[in-house]
Amino acid sequence: MPARPIVSTAAAILLGATSMAYARPDARTMTCEQTQQLIQSRRAVVLTTGRNTYDRYVRQFGNECDRPAVPVASYVQTLEGQCRVHRCLEWQHFDFP
């Protein structure tokens, strides 16, 4: 059996499997509870938030943010409307009185 069809078939299968593994969940297609549970279960997740936008969201209490960043409340659009989640933000972005 020629090696060329085997190699091309294996490459196609590998490419299909890896592209599915890296698909980002879309927050707009989930409920708020589903979105929050996904973030809690994975600790940190990159969510699609719009047609061409995405961001990384993390648990509120955890060490998923690199120093000096900390988890800060943020909102994403879900099926039910705005949903409170957390993302990493560096300290210098805060304006303290």
PDB file of N, CA and C in Angstrom:
ATOM      1  N   MET A   1       0.852  -1.174   0.000  1.00  0.00           N
ATOM      2  CA  MET A   1       0.000   0.000   0.000  1.00  0.00           C
ATOM      3  C   MET A   1       0.900   1.240   0.000  1.00  0.00           C
ATOM      4  N   PRO A   2       0.603   2.217  -0.868  1.00  0.00           N
ATOM      5  CA  PRO A   2       1.427   3.419  -0.931  1.00  0.00           C
ATOM      6  C   PRO A   2       1.347   4.218   0.369  1.00  0.00           C
ATOM      7  N   ALA A   3       2.454   4.831   0.737  1.00  0.00           N
ATOM      8  CA  ALA A   3       2.539   5.587   1.992  1.00  0.00           C
ATOM      9  C   ALA A   3       1.865   6.945   1.893  1.00  0.00           C
ATOM     10  N   ARG A   4       1.804   7.523   0.700  1.00  0.00           N
ATOM     11  CA  ARG A   4       1.261   8.879   0.544  1.00  0.00           C
ATOM     12  C   ARG A   4      -0.190   8.998   1.017  1.00  0.00           C
ATOM     13  N   PRO A   5      -1.125   8.090   0.638  1.00  0.00           N
ATOM     14  CA  PRO A   5      -2.498   8.211   1.139  1.00  0.00           C
ATOM     15  C   PRO A   5      -2.598   8.027   2.649  1.00  0.00           C
ATOM     16  N   ILE A   6      -1.773   7.182   3.206  1.00  0.00           N
ATOM     17  CA  ILE A   6      -1.792   6.962   4.656  1.00  0.00           C
ATOM     18  C   ILE A   6      -1.339   8.219   5.382  1.00  0.00           C
ATOM     19  N   VAL A   7      -0.275   8.826   4.901  1.00  0.00           N
ATOM     20  CA  VAL A   7       0.257  10.030   5.540  1.00  0.00           C
ATOM     21  C   VAL A   7      -0.738  11.182   5.424  1.00  0.00           C
ATOM     22  N   SER A   8      -1.333  11.356   4.253  1.00  0.00           N
ATOM     23  CA  SER A   8      -2.275  12.465   4.095  1.00  0.00           C
ATOM     24  C   SER A   8      -3.544  12.250   4.923  1.00  0.00           C
ATOM     25  N   THR A   9      -3.991  11.004   5.048  1.00  0.00           N
ATOM     26  CA  THR A   9      -5.164  10.711   5.880  1.00  0.00           C
ATOM     27  C   THR A   9      -4.842  10.965   7.348  1.00  0.00           C
ATOM     28  N   ALA A  10      -3.677  10.542   7.797  1.00  0.00           N
ATOM     29  CA  ALA A  10      -3.275  10.764   9.189  1.00  0.00           C
ATOM     30  C   ALA A  10      -3.141  12.253   9.477  1.00  0.00           C
ATOM     31  N   ALA A  11      -2.593  13.015   8.543  1.00  0.00           N
ATOM     32  CA  ALA A  11      -2.454  14.465   8.733  1.00  0.00           C
ATOM     33  C   ALA A  11      -3.820  15.140   8.829  1.00  0.00           C
ATOM     34  N   ALA A  12      -4.770  14.704   7.998  1.00  0.00           N
ATOM     35  CA  ALA A  12      -6.114  15.285   8.037  1.00  0.00           C
ATOM     36  C   ALA A  12      -6.803  14.991   9.357  1.00  0.00           C
ATOM     37  N   ILE A  13      -6.659  13.781   9.851  1.00  0.00           N
ATOM     38  CA  ILE A  13      -7.258  13.408  11.142  1.00  0.00           C
ATOM     39  C   ILE A  13      -6.627  14.209  12.269  1.00  0.00           C
ATOM     40  N   LEU A  14      -5.309  14.336  12.261  1.00  0.00           N
ATOM     41  CA  LEU A  14      -4.608  15.092  13.297  1.00  0.00           C
ATOM     42  C   LEU A  14      -5.006  16.562  13.272  1.00  0.00           C
ATOM     43  N   LEU A  15      -5.097  17.142  12.097  1.00  0.00           N
ATOM     44  CA  LEU A  15      -5.489  18.546  11.975  1.00  0.00           C
ATOM     45  C   LEU A  15      -6.916  18.763  12.478  1.00  0.00           C
ATOM     46  N   GLY A  16      -7.821  17.865  12.138  1.00  0.00           N
ATOM     47  CA  GLY A  16      -9.205  17.978  12.605  1.00  0.00           C
ATOM     48  C   GLY A  16      -9.320  17.833  14.103  1.00  0.00           C
ATOM     49  N   ALA A  17      -8.569  16.925  14.687  1.00  0.00           N
ATOM     50  CA  ALA A  17      -8.621  16.705  16.135  1.00  0.00           C
ATOM     51  C   ALA A  17      -8.053  17.889  16.893  1.00  0.00           C
ATOM     52  N   THR A  18      -6.953  18.468  16.416  1.00  0.00           N
ATOM     53  CA  THR A  18      -6.364  19.597  17.133  1.00  0.00           C
ATOM     54  C   THR A  18      -7.197  20.853  16.993  1.00  0.00           C
ATOM     55  N   SER A  19      -7.826  21.069  15.854  1.00  0.00           N
ATOM     56  CA  SER A  19      -8.649  22.271  15.710  1.00  0.00           C
ATOM     57  C   SER A  19      -9.882  22.199  16.594  1.00  0.00           C
ATOM     58  N   MET A  20     -10.436  21.012  16.798  1.00  0.00           N
ATOM     59  CA  MET A  20     -11.587  20.877  17.687  1.00  0.00           C
ATOM     60  C   MET A  20     -11.165  21.055  19.142  1.00  0.00           C
ATOM     61  N   ALA A  21      -9.957  20.649  19.482  1.00  0.00           N
ATOM     62  CA  ALA A  21      -9.486  20.747  20.855  1.00  0.00           C
ATOM     63  C   ALA A  21      -9.296  22.208  21.275  1.00  0.00           C
ATOM     64  N   TYR A  22      -8.994  23.083  20.330  1.00  0.00           N
ATOM     65  CA  TYR A  22      -8.723  24.468  20.656  1.00  0.00           C
ATOM     66  C   TYR A  22      -9.907  25.396  20.382  1.00  0.00           C
ATOM     67  N   ALA A  23     -11.055  24.856  20.105  1.00  0.00           N
ATOM     68  CA  ALA A  23     -12.232  25.691  19.864  1.00  0.00           C
ATOM     69  C   ALA A  23     -12.602  26.422  21.155  1.00  0.00           C
ATOM     70  N   ARG A  24     -12.807  27.727  21.046  1.00  0.00           N
ATOM     71  CA  ARG A  24     -13.175  28.524  22.225  1.00  0.00           C
ATOM     72  C   ARG A  24     -14.661  28.428  22.478  1.00  0.00           C
ATOM     73  N   PRO A  25     -15.053  28.245  23.738  1.00  0.00           N
ATOM     74  CA  PRO A  25     -16.484  28.305  24.064  1.00  0.00           C
ATOM     75  C   PRO A  25     -16.988  29.732  23.824  1.00  0.00           C
ATOM     76  N   ASP A  26     -18.205  29.850  23.346  1.00  0.00           N
ATOM     77  CA  ASP A  26     -18.814  31.145  23.070  1.00  0.00           C
ATOM     78  C   ASP A  26     -19.766  31.491  24.206  1.00  0.00           C
ATOM     79  N   ALA A  27     -19.446  32.522  24.970  1.00  0.00           N
ATOM     80  CA  ALA A  27     -20.269  32.923  26.116  1.00  0.00           C
ATOM     81  C   ALA A  27     -21.672  33.314  25.681  1.00  0.00           C
ATOM     82  N   ARG A  28     -21.832  33.808  24.459  1.00  0.00           N
ATOM     83  CA  ARG A  28     -23.135  34.262  23.972  1.00  0.00           C
ATOM     84  C   ARG A  28     -24.111  33.115  23.749  1.00  0.00           C
ATOM     85  N   THR A  29     -23.604  31.875  23.680  1.00  0.00           N
ATOM     86  CA  THR A  29     -24.464  30.714  23.442  1.00  0.00           C
ATOM     87  C   THR A  29     -24.733  29.921  24.713  1.00  0.00           C
ATOM     88  N   MET A  30     -24.245  30.418  25.861  1.00  0.00           N
ATOM     89  CA  MET A  30     -24.428  29.721  27.134  1.00  0.00           C
ATOM     90  C   MET A  30     -25.218  30.596  28.096  1.00  0.00           C
ATOM     91  N   THR A  31     -25.805  29.950  29.105  1.00  0.00           N
ATOM     92  CA  THR A  31     -26.445  30.715  30.175  1.00  0.00           C
ATOM     93  C   THR A  31     -25.362  31.254  31.092  1.00  0.00           C
ATOM     94  N   CYS A  32     -25.722  32.173  31.952  1.00  0.00           N
ATOM     95  CA  CYS A  32     -24.769  32.733  32.903  1.00  0.00           C
ATOM     96  C   CYS A  32     -24.224  31.631  33.825  1.00  0.00           C
ATOM     97  N   GLU A  33     -25.104  30.781  34.297  1.00  0.00           N
ATOM     98  CA  GLU A  33     -24.680  29.699  35.191  1.00  0.00           C
ATOM     99  C   GLU A  33     -23.709  28.748  34.483  1.00  0.00           C
ATOM    100  N   GLN A  34     -23.965  28.410  33.228  1.00  0.00           N
ATOM    101  CA  GLN A  34     -23.070  27.531  32.474  1.00  0.00           C
ATOM    102  C   GLN A  34     -21.700  28.181  32.299  1.00  0.00           C
ATOM    103  N   THR A  35     -21.691  29.467  32.023  1.00  0.00           N
ATOM    104  CA  THR A  35     -20.436  30.198  31.843  1.00  0.00           C
ATOM    105  C   THR A  35     -19.629  30.200  33.128  1.00  0.00           C
ATOM    106  N   GLN A  36     -20.281  30.517  34.243  1.00  0.00           N
ATOM    107  CA  GLN A  36     -19.585  30.543  35.529  1.00  0.00           C
ATOM    108  C   GLN A  36     -19.090  29.161  35.929  1.00  0.00           C
ATOM    109  N   GLN A  37     -19.880  28.111  35.691  1.00  0.00           N
ATOM    110  CA  GLN A  37     -19.455  26.755  36.021  1.00  0.00           C
ATOM    111  C   GLN A  37     -18.272  26.314  35.167  1.00  0.00           C
ATOM    112  N   LEU A  38     -18.256  26.713  33.898  1.00  0.00           N
ATOM    113  CA  LEU A  38     -17.137  26.383  33.019  1.00  0.00           C
ATOM    114  C   LEU A  38     -15.849  27.008  33.534  1.00  0.00           C
ATOM    115  N   ILE A  39     -15.923  28.268  33.932  1.00  0.00           N
ATOM    116  CA  ILE A  39     -14.746  28.954  34.467  1.00  0.00           C
ATOM    117  C   ILE A  39     -14.293  28.290  35.761  1.00  0.00           C
ATOM    118  N   GLN A  40     -15.225  27.947  36.654  1.00  0.00           N
ATOM    119  CA  GLN A  40     -14.868  27.288  37.916  1.00  0.00           C
ATOM    120  C   GLN A  40     -14.234  25.928  37.677  1.00  0.00           C
ATOM    121  N   SER A  41     -14.765  25.160  36.736  1.00  0.00           N
ATOM    122  CA  SER A  41     -14.253  23.810  36.516  1.00  0.00           C
ATOM    123  C   SER A  41     -12.881  23.805  35.850  1.00  0.00           C
ATOM    124  N   ARG A  42     -12.624  24.772  34.977  1.00  0.00           N
ATOM    125  CA  ARG A  42     -11.333  24.826  34.280  1.00  0.00           C
ATOM    126  C   ARG A  42     -10.340  25.777  34.932  1.00  0.00           C
ATOM    127  N   ARG A  43     -10.790  26.541  35.923  1.00  0.00           N
ATOM    128  CA  ARG A  43      -9.996  27.531  36.650  1.00  0.00           C
ATOM    129  C   ARG A  43      -9.713  28.786  35.829  1.00  0.00           C
ATOM    130  N   ALA A  44      -9.454  28.626  34.540  1.00  0.00           N
ATOM    131  CA  ALA A  44      -9.257  29.748  33.633  1.00  0.00           C
ATOM    132  C   ALA A  44      -9.660  29.273  32.247  1.00  0.00           C
ATOM    133  N   VAL A  45     -10.325  30.137  31.492  1.00  0.00           N
ATOM    134  CA  VAL A  45     -10.791  29.746  30.171  1.00  0.00           C
ATOM    135  C   VAL A  45     -10.834  30.972  29.255  1.00  0.00           C
ATOM    136  N   VAL A  46     -10.499  30.768  27.996  1.00  0.00           N
ATOM    137  CA  VAL A  46     -10.617  31.823  27.000  1.00  0.00           C
ATOM    138  C   VAL A  46     -11.993  31.675  26.363  1.00  0.00           C
ATOM    139  N   LEU A  47     -12.804  32.721  26.480  1.00  0.00           N
ATOM    140  CA  LEU A  47     -14.174  32.707  25.961  1.00  0.00           C
ATOM    141  C   LEU A  47     -14.312  33.656  24.782  1.00  0.00           C
ATOM    142  N   THR A  48     -15.050  33.226  23.779  1.00  0.00           N
ATOM    143  CA  THR A  48     -15.445  34.134  22.716  1.00  0.00           C
ATOM    144  C   THR A  48     -16.549  35.013  23.286  1.00  0.00           C
ATOM    145  N   THR A  49     -16.383  36.329  23.138  1.00  0.00           N
ATOM    146  CA  THR A  49     -17.346  37.261  23.717  1.00  0.00           C
ATOM    147  C   THR A  49     -18.071  38.091  22.673  1.00  0.00           C
ATOM    148  N   GLY A  50     -17.658  38.008  21.442  1.00  0.00           N
ATOM    149  CA  GLY A  50     -18.273  38.755  20.352  1.00  0.00           C
ATOM    150  C   GLY A  50     -17.832  38.169  19.030  1.00  0.00           C
ATOM    151  N   ARG A  51     -18.231  38.821  17.968  1.00  0.00           N
ATOM    152  CA  ARG A  51     -17.913  38.289  16.640  1.00  0.00           C
ATOM    153  C   ARG A  51     -16.413  38.118  16.424  1.00  0.00           C
ATOM    154  N   ASN A  52     -15.628  39.086  16.836  1.00  0.00           N
ATOM    155  CA  ASN A  52     -14.174  39.029  16.675  1.00  0.00           C
ATOM    156  C   ASN A  52     -13.437  39.298  17.982  1.00  0.00           C
ATOM    157  N   THR A  53     -14.087  39.033  19.116  1.00  0.00           N
ATOM    158  CA  THR A  53     -13.457  39.331  20.402  1.00  0.00           C
ATOM    159  C   THR A  53     -13.446  38.107  21.307  1.00  0.00           C
ATOM    160  N   TYR A  54     -12.430  38.060  22.152  1.00  0.00           N
ATOM    161  CA  TYR A  54     -12.306  37.005  23.145  1.00  0.00           C
ATOM    162  C   TYR A  54     -11.432  37.525  24.279  1.00  0.00           C
ATOM    163  N   ASP A  55     -11.496  36.856  25.413  1.00  0.00           N
ATOM    164  CA  ASP A  55     -10.665  37.230  26.549  1.00  0.00           C
ATOM    165  C   ASP A  55     -10.530  36.027  27.470  1.00  0.00           C
ATOM    166  N   ARG A  56      -9.594  36.104  28.374  1.00  0.00           N
ATOM    167  CA  ARG A  56      -9.343  35.032  29.340  1.00  0.00           C
ATOM    168  C   ARG A  56     -10.032  35.393  30.652  1.00  0.00           C
ATOM    169  N   TYR A  57     -10.823  34.460  31.162  1.00  0.00           N
ATOM    170  CA  TYR A  57     -11.553  34.665  32.412  1.00  0.00           C
ATOM    171  C   TYR A  57     -11.113  33.627  33.422  1.00  0.00           C
ATOM    172  N   VAL A  58     -11.093  34.033  34.692  1.00  0.00           N
ATOM    173  CA  VAL A  58     -10.544  33.189  35.753  1.00  0.00           C
ATOM    174  C   VAL A  58     -11.501  33.101  36.935  1.00  0.00           C
ATOM    175  N   ARG A  59     -11.207  32.177  37.848  1.00  0.00           N
ATOM    176  CA  ARG A  59     -11.969  32.089  39.098  1.00  0.00           C
ATOM    177  C   ARG A  59     -11.692  33.321  39.944  1.00  0.00           C
ATOM    178  N   GLN A  60     -12.630  33.661  40.805  1.00  0.00           N
ATOM    179  CA  GLN A  60     -12.430  34.827  41.667  1.00  0.00           C
ATOM    180  C   GLN A  60     -11.331  34.574  42.680  1.00  0.00           C
ATOM    181  N   PHE A  61     -11.335  33.408  43.284  1.00  0.00           N
ATOM    182  CA  PHE A  61     -10.344  33.081  44.307  1.00  0.00           C
ATOM    183  C   PHE A  61      -9.469  31.962  43.778  1.00  0.00           C
ATOM    184  N   GLY A  62      -8.273  32.304  43.396  1.00  0.00           N
ATOM    185  CA  GLY A  62      -7.347  31.322  42.855  1.00  0.00           C
ATOM    186  C   GLY A  62      -6.048  32.022  42.486  1.00  0.00           C
ATOM    187  N   ASN A  63      -5.127  31.278  41.957  1.00  0.00           N
ATOM    188  CA  ASN A  63      -3.844  31.870  41.579  1.00  0.00           C
ATOM    189  C   ASN A  63      -3.628  31.784  40.071  1.00  0.00           C
ATOM    190  N   GLU A  64      -4.671  32.000  39.296  1.00  0.00           N
ATOM    191  CA  GLU A  64      -4.589  31.904  37.848  1.00  0.00           C
ATOM    192  C   GLU A  64      -4.020  33.159  37.201  1.00  0.00           C
ATOM    193  N   CYS A  65      -3.950  34.262  37.941  1.00  0.00           N
ATOM    194  CA  CYS A  65      -3.387  35.498  37.409  1.00  0.00           C
ATOM    195  C   CYS A  65      -1.902  35.568  37.753  1.00  0.00           C
ATOM    196  N   ASP A  66      -1.095  36.024  36.784  1.00  0.00           N
ATOM    197  CA  ASP A  66       0.329  36.228  37.033  1.00  0.00           C
ATOM    198  C   ASP A  66       0.520  37.535  37.784  1.00  0.00           C
ATOM    199  N   ARG A  67       1.459  37.554  38.716  1.00  0.00           N
ATOM    200  CA  ARG A  67       1.739  38.786  39.452  1.00  0.00           C
ATOM    201  C   ARG A  67       2.211  39.855  38.514  1.00  0.00           C
ATOM    202  N   PRO A  68       1.843  41.078  38.680  1.00  0.00           N
ATOM    203  CA  PRO A  68       1.070  41.697  39.750  1.00  0.00           C
ATOM    204  C   PRO A  68      -0.431  41.761  39.462  1.00  0.00           C
ATOM    205  N   ALA A  69      -0.922  40.970  38.546  1.00  0.00           N
ATOM    206  CA  ALA A  69      -2.344  41.006  38.212  1.00  0.00           C
ATOM    207  C   ALA A  69      -3.186  40.308  39.276  1.00  0.00           C
ATOM    208  N   VAL A  70      -4.430  40.738  39.379  1.00  0.00           N
ATOM    209  CA  VAL A  70      -5.379  40.151  40.328  1.00  0.00           C
ATOM    210  C   VAL A  70      -6.722  39.950  39.628  1.00  0.00           C
ATOM    211  N   PRO A  71      -7.557  39.010  40.113  1.00  0.00           N
ATOM    212  CA  PRO A  71      -8.884  38.840  39.515  1.00  0.00           C
ATOM    213  C   PRO A  71      -9.780  40.045  39.808  1.00  0.00           C
ATOM    214  N   VAL A  72     -10.392  40.582  38.768  1.00  0.00           N
ATOM    215  CA  VAL A  72     -11.266  41.755  38.882  1.00  0.00           C
ATOM    216  C   VAL A  72     -12.592  41.418  38.211  1.00  0.00           C
ATOM    217  N   ALA A  73     -13.693  41.875  38.818  1.00  0.00           N
ATOM    218  CA  ALA A  73     -15.021  41.613  38.257  1.00  0.00           C
ATOM    219  C   ALA A  73     -15.150  42.227  36.868  1.00  0.00           C
ATOM    220  N   SER A  74     -15.775  41.468  35.996  1.00  0.00           N
ATOM    221  CA  SER A  74     -16.027  41.893  34.632  1.00  0.00           C
ATOM    222  C   SER A  74     -17.363  41.293  34.207  1.00  0.00           C
ATOM    223  N   TYR A  75     -17.889  41.708  33.085  1.00  0.00           N
ATOM    224  CA  TYR A  75     -19.178  41.194  32.616  1.00  0.00           C
ATOM    225  C   TYR A  75     -19.067  40.737  31.167  1.00  0.00           C
ATOM    226  N   VAL A  76     -19.728  39.614  30.861  1.00  0.00           N
ATOM    227  CA  VAL A  76     -19.802  39.116  29.491  1.00  0.00           C
ATOM    228  C   VAL A  76     -21.269  38.942  29.114  1.00  0.00           C
ATOM    229  N   GLN A  77     -21.545  39.019  27.832  1.00  0.00           N
ATOM    230  CA  GLN A  77     -22.897  38.824  27.324  1.00  0.00           C
ATOM    231  C   GLN A  77     -23.178  37.326  27.197  1.00  0.00           C
ATOM    232  N   THR A  78     -24.267  36.857  27.803  1.00  0.00           N
ATOM    233  CA  THR A  78     -24.690  35.461  27.689  1.00  0.00           C
ATOM    234  C   THR A  78     -26.119  35.440  27.132  1.00  0.00           C
ATOM    235  N   LEU A  79     -26.683  34.261  27.042  1.00  0.00           N
ATOM    236  CA  LEU A  79     -28.067  34.133  26.555  1.00  0.00           C
ATOM    237  C   LEU A  79     -29.044  34.932  27.404  1.00  0.00           C
ATOM    238  N   GLU A  80     -28.759  35.028  28.688  1.00  0.00           N
ATOM    239  CA  GLU A  80     -29.664  35.685  29.631  1.00  0.00           C
ATOM    240  C   GLU A  80     -29.363  37.167  29.826  1.00  0.00           C
ATOM    241  N   GLY A  81     -28.330  37.676  29.211  1.00  0.00           N
ATOM    242  CA  GLY A  81     -27.925  39.067  29.408  1.00  0.00           C
ATOM    243  C   GLY A  81     -26.518  39.124  29.967  1.00  0.00           C
ATOM    244  N   GLN A  82     -26.230  40.178  30.708  1.00  0.00           N
ATOM    245  CA  GLN A  82     -24.897  40.365  31.282  1.00  0.00           C
ATOM    246  C   GLN A  82     -24.648  39.376  32.424  1.00  0.00           C
ATOM    247  N   CYS A  83     -23.435  38.817  32.451  1.00  0.00           N
ATOM    248  CA  CYS A  83     -23.079  37.832  33.469  1.00  0.00           C
ATOM    249  C   CYS A  83     -21.763  38.245  34.114  1.00  0.00           C
ATOM    250  N   ARG A  84     -21.719  38.223  35.439  1.00  0.00           N
ATOM    251  CA  ARG A  84     -20.520  38.633  36.170  1.00  0.00           C
ATOM    252  C   ARG A  84     -19.514  37.492  36.199  1.00  0.00           C
ATOM    253  N   VAL A  85     -18.307  37.795  35.743  1.00  0.00           N
ATOM    254  CA  VAL A  85     -17.184  36.868  35.741  1.00  0.00           C
ATOM    255  C   VAL A  85     -15.954  37.657  36.203  1.00  0.00           C
ATOM    256  N   HIS A  86     -14.787  37.041  36.179  1.00  0.00           N
ATOM    257  CA  HIS A  86     -13.565  37.730  36.596  1.00  0.00           C
ATOM    258  C   HIS A  86     -12.478  37.547  35.552  1.00  0.00           C
ATOM    259  N   ARG A  87     -11.660  38.592  35.387  1.00  0.00           N
ATOM    260  CA  ARG A  87     -10.500  38.509  34.511  1.00  0.00           C
ATOM    261  C   ARG A  87      -9.319  39.155  35.215  1.00  0.00           C
ATOM    262  N   CYS A  88      -8.129  38.874  34.730  1.00  0.00           N
ATOM    263  CA  CYS A  88      -6.919  39.390  35.369  1.00  0.00           C
ATOM    264  C   CYS A  88      -6.647  40.823  34.930  1.00  0.00           C
ATOM    265  N   LEU A  89      -6.295  41.665  35.900  1.00  0.00           N
ATOM    266  CA  LEU A  89      -5.960  43.055  35.633  1.00  0.00           C
ATOM    267  C   LEU A  89      -4.789  43.426  36.531  1.00  0.00           C
ATOM    268  N   GLU A  90      -3.826  44.176  35.988  1.00  0.00           N
ATOM    269  CA  GLU A  90      -2.652  44.551  36.770  1.00  0.00           C
ATOM    270  C   GLU A  90      -2.973  45.689  37.734  1.00  0.00           C
ATOM    271  N   TRP A  91      -2.227  45.734  38.833  1.00  0.00           N
ATOM    272  CA  TRP A  91      -2.458  46.718  39.889  1.00  0.00           C
ATOM    273  C   TRP A  91      -2.420  48.149  39.396  1.00  0.00           C
ATOM    274  N   GLN A  92      -1.530  48.523  38.485  1.00  0.00           N
ATOM    275  CA  GLN A  92      -1.406  49.917  38.097  1.00  0.00           C
ATOM    276  C   GLN A  92      -2.630  50.453  37.369  1.00  0.00           C
ATOM    277  N   HIS A  93      -3.555  49.584  36.994  1.00  0.00           N
ATOM    278  CA  HIS A  93      -4.776  50.047  36.344  1.00  0.00           C
ATOM    279  C   HIS A  93      -5.837  50.527  37.332  1.00  0.00           C
ATOM    280  N   PHE A  94      -5.595  50.337  38.621  1.00  0.00           N
ATOM    281  CA  PHE A  94      -6.562  50.761  39.633  1.00  0.00           C
ATOM    282  C   PHE A  94      -6.303  52.225  40.012  1.00  0.00           C
ATOM    283  N   ASP A  95      -7.361  52.987  40.181  1.00  0.00           N
ATOM    284  CA  ASP A  95      -7.252  54.366  40.646  1.00  0.00           C
ATOM    285  C   ASP A  95      -7.767  54.438  42.075  1.00  0.00           C
ATOM    286  N   PHE A  96      -6.840  54.486  43.020  1.00  0.00           N
ATOM    287  CA  PHE A  96      -7.217  54.573  44.426  1.00  0.00           C
ATOM    288  C   PHE A  96      -7.271  56.031  44.850  1.00  0.00           C
ATOM    289  N   PRO A  97      -8.209  56.392  45.711  1.00  0.00           N
ATOM    290  CA  PRO A  97      -8.299  57.794  46.152  1.00  0.00           C
ATOM    291  C   PRO A  97      -7.146  58.206  47.044  1.00  0.00           C
TER     292      PRO A  97
END
